Every structure is written in structure tokens, then in C-alpha cells.
Amino acid sequence: MPFQSYSGADIARLNELAGLLRDFRAAFRDIVDSTGWTAAPGSPAERDQRAIAEDDLYVPGAELKITKLLFFYLLAASEQIGGLAALYAAQEVVVPPAALIRSAIEHCAHTLWIVQRPGEQIQGRLARAYIEELFSAEAAKLNSGLMLGKDDQQHLDEAARYRALKREIEASFPGELVYDESQPVLRGQKMLRPEECVVWLFEFASRPMPEDLTRGVYGVFSNSTHPTLYAISRLWVRTEHNGQMTLTSALSVDQHANELLAALVAFYDTLSYVIDYHGWPRARHDQLTADIEAVLPDMIVPPSAAGD
């Protein structure tokens, strides 16, 4: 049974969306190139870094933990969006995008979880950055041991890094690293579960969604990533084409485009928060706004409309 391919106006629309996705990825790279990912003088990030560097409680280099982590998580999200651009240009838009969309959203959610709340004390942001780093170090230790064995040098190195990081945290936050059902809690901060982190992200979105809808959207992308029959089988319909039965996407090109909205909104808003945190010029983000309006004019909801 053959598959029905896209043609004509549908291909043009997919290429238009691919161009927008490429611009999202390019916006991140342009900002990195123009700023060197260095906090501007007087910015919240620069004030955080100065205060941490001047406090003897923290080890040298701790002042860069927040901004370094924001860089790597947003880099990952931007690369996933670049991958989506390649898929849309190749018209591979039925099954593959869901995994990249989910990953992009989760990286954005963790980025915003760390940096949001600009009015809070520095220690809250630093604590969340340390929790992320501790989670990563523990995962590296665990997985290297499973893959290579407990006696392998790589696993021993990962285990040593994990122990050193725990000692660093305990020295920087005396008595404040505790555990809740095996999950680290630092200064009252506990890493959110993936779904909860995504729900939290969209509370601050320029296109806010009700909590139940956010959970549903996240659930659909998760089901489309892991083997779940309904999520895949419903993407196709059997139709007759040129006298024979074919498999055709059950979604129109514009419906496929709607699937992008969650990832695009998440990245657009998170990038905006990160720009403001570092005190960088907003010209590149403003250009991105104009590009969005040209391709998806209803993507961004003005604050007044969002509150209606």
C-alpha cells in the first residue's frame, strides 16, 4: 500500500515552516556570537556572578554555574529545533517531530526553572543549578557503571566527580542538602518531574495554556515518542488515490504546523528570559518576533489578550 506524498502548496508551506525553525536556531547562535555568552555590566546575571565570586562560601568557578547551564540547555533546545527544520524541509512531519518537540520543550522548561523569579535571592538560582548538575553527575556515574562495569576507569572517574560535587554543595550550603524519597533538595529547591516542569513553563508563556491542556499536550508528545499505538495509528488514514488505496497523513499541513507551537513558544519565551537575565540587546529577539508574525501570525498572544 503506497504512501501519499506532499505536493504543491503543502510543500511550499512545509518549507516556509522549515525556514522559521532555522531562524530560531540561528537566533540562538547569533546571540552567542554577538555576546560571547557574557553577562552585561549591571545585569541580574552579572550581579549574581559578582556576589557569588565575592562570597568565600563558594568555590572558584561557582559564579559561572548558572549561566553555563543555561547555555548548554538552550543550545540543546536550539539544536532540536534545527533538527525539526531538517524534518520539515524533508517532509518527514508525521511521526519524527514529536521526539524533538518533547526534548526541546523539556530543555526550555529546565532552563526557565533555573533562571525565572528574577526578584528572588541569588542562592535560589544557584541551588537549582547545583541540583541540575548533581542530577547529571549521578546519572553519569550510574550509567557508566551499568555500561562499563564498576571497575572501569571511566566509571571510577564519574563516581569521583559525583562525590566531589556533593562535597562542594555541602560546603557551599552547609546543612541544606537533604533528600526527599531519594531526590536531592537544596535550599528548599527540588527538581520538578518532567511533566510538572513543562506545566510550570507554560505558566509564564506568551501563549499560556490551562494546566490540564498542558499536561495533555505533554502526554501526547510522550506517547508519540514511546511505543503507544493510538498516538501513531491515528496519524494515518486510508484513502483512494488514482484508483488504489493509499496511506495519507490524517493531519493537514497546518495541523502539523500546530504541533510546533509548543516548542516554538517554549523556546521563544525562554530565550527572552535568558536575554533579560544577562542584560543583552533584544534586537535579535525582536527580529525573531517579526519572522514569527510573518509565518505564524497567531503564535504569540499579547499579554492583554492572554489575560482576557
Protein backbone atom coordinates (compact mmCIF):
# COMPACT_ATOMS: atom_id res chain seq x y z
CA MET A 1 0.00 0.00 0.00
CA PRO A 2 1.75 3.22 -1.13
CA PHE A 3 2.02 6.42 0.88
CA GLN A 4 0.60 9.68 -0.44
CA SER A 5 3.36 12.31 -0.59
CA TYR A 6 3.02 16.05 -0.25
CA SER A 7 2.91 18.30 -3.27
CA GLY A 8 2.36 21.86 -4.44
CA ALA A 9 1.19 24.32 -1.81
CA ASP A 10 1.78 21.81 1.01
CA ILE A 11 5.47 21.54 0.16
CA ALA A 12 5.75 25.32 -0.01
CA ARG A 13 4.16 25.63 3.44
CA LEU A 14 6.44 22.99 4.93
CA ASN A 15 9.47 24.80 3.51
CA GLU A 16 8.18 28.07 4.98
CA LEU A 17 7.91 26.45 8.40
CA ALA A 18 11.37 24.93 7.99
CA GLY A 19 12.72 28.41 7.33
CA LEU A 20 11.17 29.72 10.53
CA LEU A 21 12.65 26.82 12.51
CA ARG A 22 16.07 27.53 11.03
CA ASP A 23 15.72 31.16 12.09
CA PHE A 24 15.01 30.06 15.68
CA ARG A 25 18.21 28.04 15.67
CA ALA A 26 20.12 30.89 14.01
CA ALA A 27 18.83 33.40 16.57
CA PHE A 28 20.45 31.44 19.39
CA ARG A 29 23.75 31.19 17.51
CA ASP A 30 23.70 34.88 16.61
CA ILE A 31 23.17 35.82 20.25
CA VAL A 32 26.06 33.58 21.32
CA ASP A 33 28.31 35.12 18.66
CA SER A 34 27.38 38.71 19.49
CA THR A 35 27.57 38.41 23.29
CA GLY A 36 30.15 35.70 23.87
CA TRP A 37 27.56 34.45 26.37
CA THR A 38 28.99 37.01 28.80
CA ALA A 39 26.74 38.90 31.17
CA ALA A 40 26.39 42.62 30.50
CA PRO A 41 27.54 45.01 33.25
CA GLY A 42 24.76 45.73 35.74
CA SER A 43 22.59 42.83 34.55
CA PRO A 44 21.00 40.37 37.00
CA ALA A 45 23.45 37.72 35.80
CA GLU A 46 26.45 39.98 36.38
CA ARG A 47 25.20 40.85 39.86
CA ASP A 48 24.75 37.15 40.64
CA GLN A 49 28.24 36.33 39.40
CA ARG A 50 29.87 39.15 41.34
CA ALA A 51 28.09 38.26 44.58
CA ILE A 52 28.94 34.56 44.29
CA ALA A 53 32.60 35.29 43.41
CA GLU A 54 32.95 37.61 46.40
CA ASP A 55 31.46 35.13 48.88
CA ASP A 56 34.12 32.87 50.40
CA LEU A 57 31.50 30.18 50.95
CA TYR A 58 31.53 29.27 47.25
CA VAL A 59 34.36 27.62 45.35
CA PRO A 60 36.07 29.49 42.48
CA GLY A 61 34.07 29.00 39.31
CA ALA A 62 30.73 28.66 41.09
CA GLU A 63 29.79 32.12 39.81
CA LEU A 64 29.56 30.74 36.26
CA LYS A 65 27.44 27.67 37.02
CA ILE A 66 24.11 29.34 36.32
CA THR A 67 24.99 30.95 33.02
CA LYS A 68 26.93 27.87 31.83
CA LEU A 69 23.99 25.59 32.47
CA LEU A 70 21.60 27.99 30.71
CA PHE A 71 23.91 27.92 27.69
CA PHE A 72 24.04 24.15 27.36
CA TYR A 73 20.31 23.61 27.87
CA LEU A 74 19.34 26.31 25.38
CA LEU A 75 21.98 25.01 22.97
CA ALA A 76 20.33 21.57 23.14
CA ALA A 77 16.87 23.07 22.58
CA SER A 78 18.09 25.10 19.61
CA GLU A 79 19.72 22.04 18.04
CA GLN A 80 16.49 20.07 18.41
CA ILE A 81 14.67 22.89 16.68
CA GLY A 82 17.31 22.77 13.94
CA GLY A 83 16.54 19.07 13.62
CA LEU A 84 12.85 19.92 13.23
CA ALA A 85 13.79 22.30 10.42
CA ALA A 86 15.51 19.45 8.60
CA LEU A 87 12.48 17.20 9.08
CA TYR A 88 10.06 19.81 7.76
CA ALA A 89 12.25 20.54 4.76
CA ALA A 90 12.35 16.80 4.02
CA GLN A 91 8.57 16.47 4.59
CA GLU A 92 9.14 13.99 7.43
CA VAL A 93 6.47 15.57 9.60
CA VAL A 94 4.17 12.78 10.71
CA VAL A 95 5.96 10.68 13.34
CA PRO A 96 9.54 12.01 13.85
CA PRO A 97 8.90 15.59 15.08
CA ALA A 98 7.27 14.56 18.37
CA ALA A 99 10.52 13.33 19.95
CA LEU A 100 12.38 16.52 19.06
CA ILE A 101 9.48 18.74 20.16
CA ARG A 102 9.32 16.99 23.52
CA SER A 103 13.08 17.28 24.04
CA ALA A 104 13.15 20.97 23.07
CA ILE A 105 10.30 21.76 25.46
CA GLU A 106 11.92 19.90 28.36
CA HIS A 107 15.27 21.65 27.89
CA CYS A 108 13.48 25.01 27.78
CA ALA A 109 11.46 24.12 30.87
CA HIS A 110 14.59 23.32 32.91
CA THR A 111 16.29 26.48 31.66
CA LEU A 112 13.40 28.65 32.75
CA TRP A 113 13.05 26.76 36.03
CA ILE A 114 16.59 27.83 36.90
CA VAL A 115 16.53 31.47 35.76
CA GLN A 116 12.97 32.64 36.37
CA ARG A 117 11.93 34.51 39.54
CA PRO A 118 14.31 37.46 38.95
CA GLY A 119 13.37 39.07 42.25
CA GLU A 120 14.48 36.18 44.45
CA GLN A 121 17.80 35.84 46.24
CA ILE A 122 20.81 34.61 44.31
CA GLN A 123 21.03 31.41 46.32
CA GLY A 124 17.76 30.09 44.86
CA ARG A 125 19.05 30.18 41.29
CA LEU A 126 22.42 28.78 42.31
CA ALA A 127 20.74 25.98 44.27
CA ARG A 128 18.67 24.97 41.24
CA ALA A 129 21.79 24.98 39.05
CA TYR A 130 23.56 22.75 41.57
CA ILE A 131 20.59 20.37 41.68
CA GLU A 132 20.69 20.06 37.89
CA GLU A 133 24.43 19.42 37.97
CA LEU A 134 24.10 16.87 40.79
CA PHE A 135 21.36 15.01 38.91
CA SER A 136 23.58 14.92 35.83
CA ALA A 137 26.63 13.74 37.76
CA GLU A 138 24.66 10.95 39.42
CA ALA A 139 23.25 9.83 36.06
CA ALA A 140 26.74 9.77 34.52
CA LYS A 141 28.02 7.68 37.45
CA LEU A 142 25.11 5.25 37.30
CA ASN A 143 25.10 4.76 33.53
CA SER A 144 28.86 4.38 33.20
CA GLY A 145 28.74 1.68 35.87
CA LEU A 146 25.94 -0.16 34.09
CA MET A 147 27.59 0.06 30.67
CA LEU A 148 31.24 -0.42 31.57
CA GLY A 149 31.28 -2.08 34.98
CA LYS A 150 32.13 -0.82 38.44
CA ASP A 151 35.87 -1.31 37.97
CA ASP A 152 36.17 0.62 34.71
CA GLN A 153 38.26 3.78 34.99
CA GLN A 154 35.59 5.95 33.37
CA HIS A 155 33.06 4.85 35.97
CA LEU A 156 35.57 5.45 38.77
CA ASP A 157 36.20 8.96 37.41
CA GLU A 158 32.47 9.69 37.18
CA ALA A 159 31.96 8.42 40.74
CA ALA A 160 34.79 10.66 41.96
CA ARG A 161 33.27 13.69 40.21
CA TYR A 162 29.90 12.95 41.79
CA ARG A 163 31.39 12.71 45.29
CA ALA A 164 33.42 15.90 44.77
CA LEU A 165 30.32 17.78 43.64
CA LYS A 166 28.39 16.63 46.70
CA ARG A 167 31.21 17.86 48.95
CA GLU A 168 31.21 21.19 47.11
CA ILE A 169 27.46 21.57 47.58
CA GLU A 170 27.62 20.63 51.26
CA ALA A 171 30.40 23.18 51.82
CA SER A 172 28.57 25.92 49.91
CA PHE A 173 25.18 25.23 51.50
CA PRO A 174 26.03 23.86 54.98
CA GLY A 175 23.31 21.53 56.22
CA GLU A 176 20.92 22.42 53.39
CA LEU A 177 21.35 19.38 51.11
CA VAL A 178 18.72 16.84 52.17
CA TYR A 179 16.82 14.08 50.41
CA ASP A 180 13.12 13.54 49.85
CA GLU A 181 12.42 9.99 48.67
CA SER A 182 15.94 9.77 47.17
CA GLN A 183 15.54 13.14 45.41
CA PRO A 184 18.03 15.87 46.43
CA VAL A 185 16.56 19.02 47.94
CA LEU A 186 18.80 22.07 48.26
CA ARG A 187 17.70 25.23 49.99
CA GLY A 188 14.12 24.02 49.61
CA GLN A 189 14.56 23.55 45.85
CA LYS A 190 13.69 20.15 44.37
CA MET A 191 13.88 19.28 40.70
CA LEU A 192 10.43 19.04 39.17
CA ARG A 193 9.31 15.91 37.37
CA PRO A 194 9.37 16.31 33.55
CA GLU A 195 5.62 16.85 33.22
CA GLU A 196 5.48 19.22 36.18
CA CYS A 197 8.38 21.25 34.81
CA VAL A 198 6.62 21.66 31.45
CA VAL A 199 3.38 22.68 33.17
CA TRP A 200 5.36 25.25 35.16
CA LEU A 201 6.98 26.57 31.97
CA PHE A 202 3.68 27.39 30.31
CA GLU A 203 2.52 29.41 33.30
CA PHE A 204 4.96 32.07 32.04
CA ALA A 205 4.35 31.64 28.30
CA SER A 206 3.34 34.35 25.85
CA ARG A 207 0.73 31.82 24.75
CA PRO A 208 -0.37 30.43 28.12
CA MET A 209 -2.28 27.17 28.32
CA PRO A 210 -4.52 25.79 31.08
CA GLU A 211 -2.76 23.23 33.25
CA ASP A 212 -4.92 20.31 32.07
CA LEU A 213 -4.23 21.19 28.43
CA THR A 214 -0.52 21.47 29.10
CA ARG A 215 -0.47 18.04 30.72
CA GLY A 216 -2.40 16.64 27.77
CA VAL A 217 -0.03 18.16 25.22
CA TYR A 218 2.98 16.83 27.09
CA GLY A 219 1.30 13.42 27.36
CA VAL A 220 0.64 13.27 23.61
CA PHE A 221 4.26 14.10 22.77
CA SER A 222 5.41 11.49 25.29
CA ASN A 223 3.07 8.88 23.81
CA SER A 224 4.31 9.76 20.33
CA THR A 225 7.91 9.28 21.50
CA HIS A 226 7.42 5.94 23.24
CA PRO A 227 5.58 3.00 21.63
CA THR A 228 1.90 3.88 22.09
CA LEU A 229 -0.49 2.53 19.46
CA TYR A 230 -3.13 5.26 19.43
CA ALA A 231 -0.61 8.07 19.04
CA ILE A 232 0.86 6.54 15.88
CA SER A 233 -2.07 4.75 14.27
CA ARG A 234 -4.30 7.83 14.35
CA LEU A 235 -1.79 9.78 12.30
CA TRP A 236 -2.78 7.86 9.17
CA VAL A 237 -5.93 7.32 7.12
CA ARG A 238 -6.57 5.06 4.14
CA THR A 239 -7.74 6.92 1.08
CA GLU A 240 -8.24 6.12 -2.57
CA HIS A 241 -5.77 7.81 -4.92
CA ASN A 242 -5.59 7.17 -8.66
CA GLY A 243 -7.71 4.08 -8.27
CA GLN A 244 -5.71 2.46 -5.47
CA MET A 245 -5.73 2.61 -1.71
CA THR A 246 -3.03 4.77 -0.15
CA LEU A 247 -1.95 5.81 3.32
CA THR A 248 -2.28 9.56 3.83
CA SER A 249 -1.48 11.74 6.82
CA ALA A 250 -4.62 12.27 8.89
CA LEU A 251 -3.47 15.81 9.65
CA SER A 252 -3.35 18.74 7.28
CA VAL A 253 -0.09 20.65 6.84
CA ASP A 254 -1.42 23.42 9.07
CA GLN A 255 -2.32 20.87 11.74
CA HIS A 256 1.23 19.55 11.56
CA ALA A 257 2.38 23.15 11.98
CA ASN A 258 0.26 23.45 15.13
CA GLU A 259 2.33 20.70 16.71
CA LEU A 260 5.32 23.03 16.51
CA LEU A 261 3.68 25.74 18.57
CA ALA A 262 4.52 24.26 21.96
CA ALA A 263 8.23 24.00 21.13
CA LEU A 264 8.39 27.40 19.43
CA VAL A 265 6.57 29.21 22.24
CA ALA A 266 8.73 27.46 24.86
CA PHE A 267 11.97 28.42 23.12
CA TYR A 268 10.84 31.96 22.23
CA ASP A 269 9.85 32.78 25.81
CA THR A 270 12.81 31.05 27.47
CA LEU A 271 15.25 32.85 25.19
CA SER A 272 13.58 36.13 26.12
CA TYR A 273 14.03 35.47 29.86
CA VAL A 274 17.67 34.48 29.34
CA ILE A 275 18.35 37.64 27.31
CA ASP A 276 16.88 39.82 30.05
CA TYR A 277 18.77 37.95 32.77
CA HIS A 278 22.07 38.62 31.01
CA GLY A 279 21.19 42.20 30.04
CA TRP A 280 21.73 41.63 26.33
CA PRO A 281 20.23 43.73 23.50
CA ARG A 282 16.85 42.47 22.34
CA ALA A 283 17.25 43.32 18.65
CA ARG A 284 17.75 39.70 17.56
CA HIS A 285 14.75 38.56 19.58
CA ASP A 286 12.69 41.38 18.07
CA GLN A 287 13.73 40.21 14.62
CA LEU A 288 12.61 36.71 15.57
CA THR A 289 9.26 38.15 16.63
CA ALA A 290 8.82 39.72 13.19
CA ASP A 291 9.72 36.45 11.48
CA ILE A 292 7.15 34.59 13.61
CA GLU A 293 4.45 37.10 12.74
CA ALA A 294 5.15 36.60 9.04
CA VAL A 295 4.80 32.80 9.17
CA LEU A 296 2.59 32.08 12.22
CA PRO A 297 0.81 35.36 12.93
CA ASP A 298 -1.33 33.90 15.74
CA MET A 299 1.52 32.22 17.63
CA ILE A 300 2.24 34.94 20.19
CA VAL A 301 -0.62 36.20 22.32
CA PRO A 302 -0.23 39.79 23.64
CA PRO A 303 -0.35 39.95 27.46
CA SER A 304 -3.69 41.80 27.47
CA ALA A 305 -5.30 39.15 25.28
CA ALA A 306 -3.81 36.35 27.37
CA GLY A 307 -5.49 37.78 30.45
CA ASP A 308 -8.94 38.20 28.89
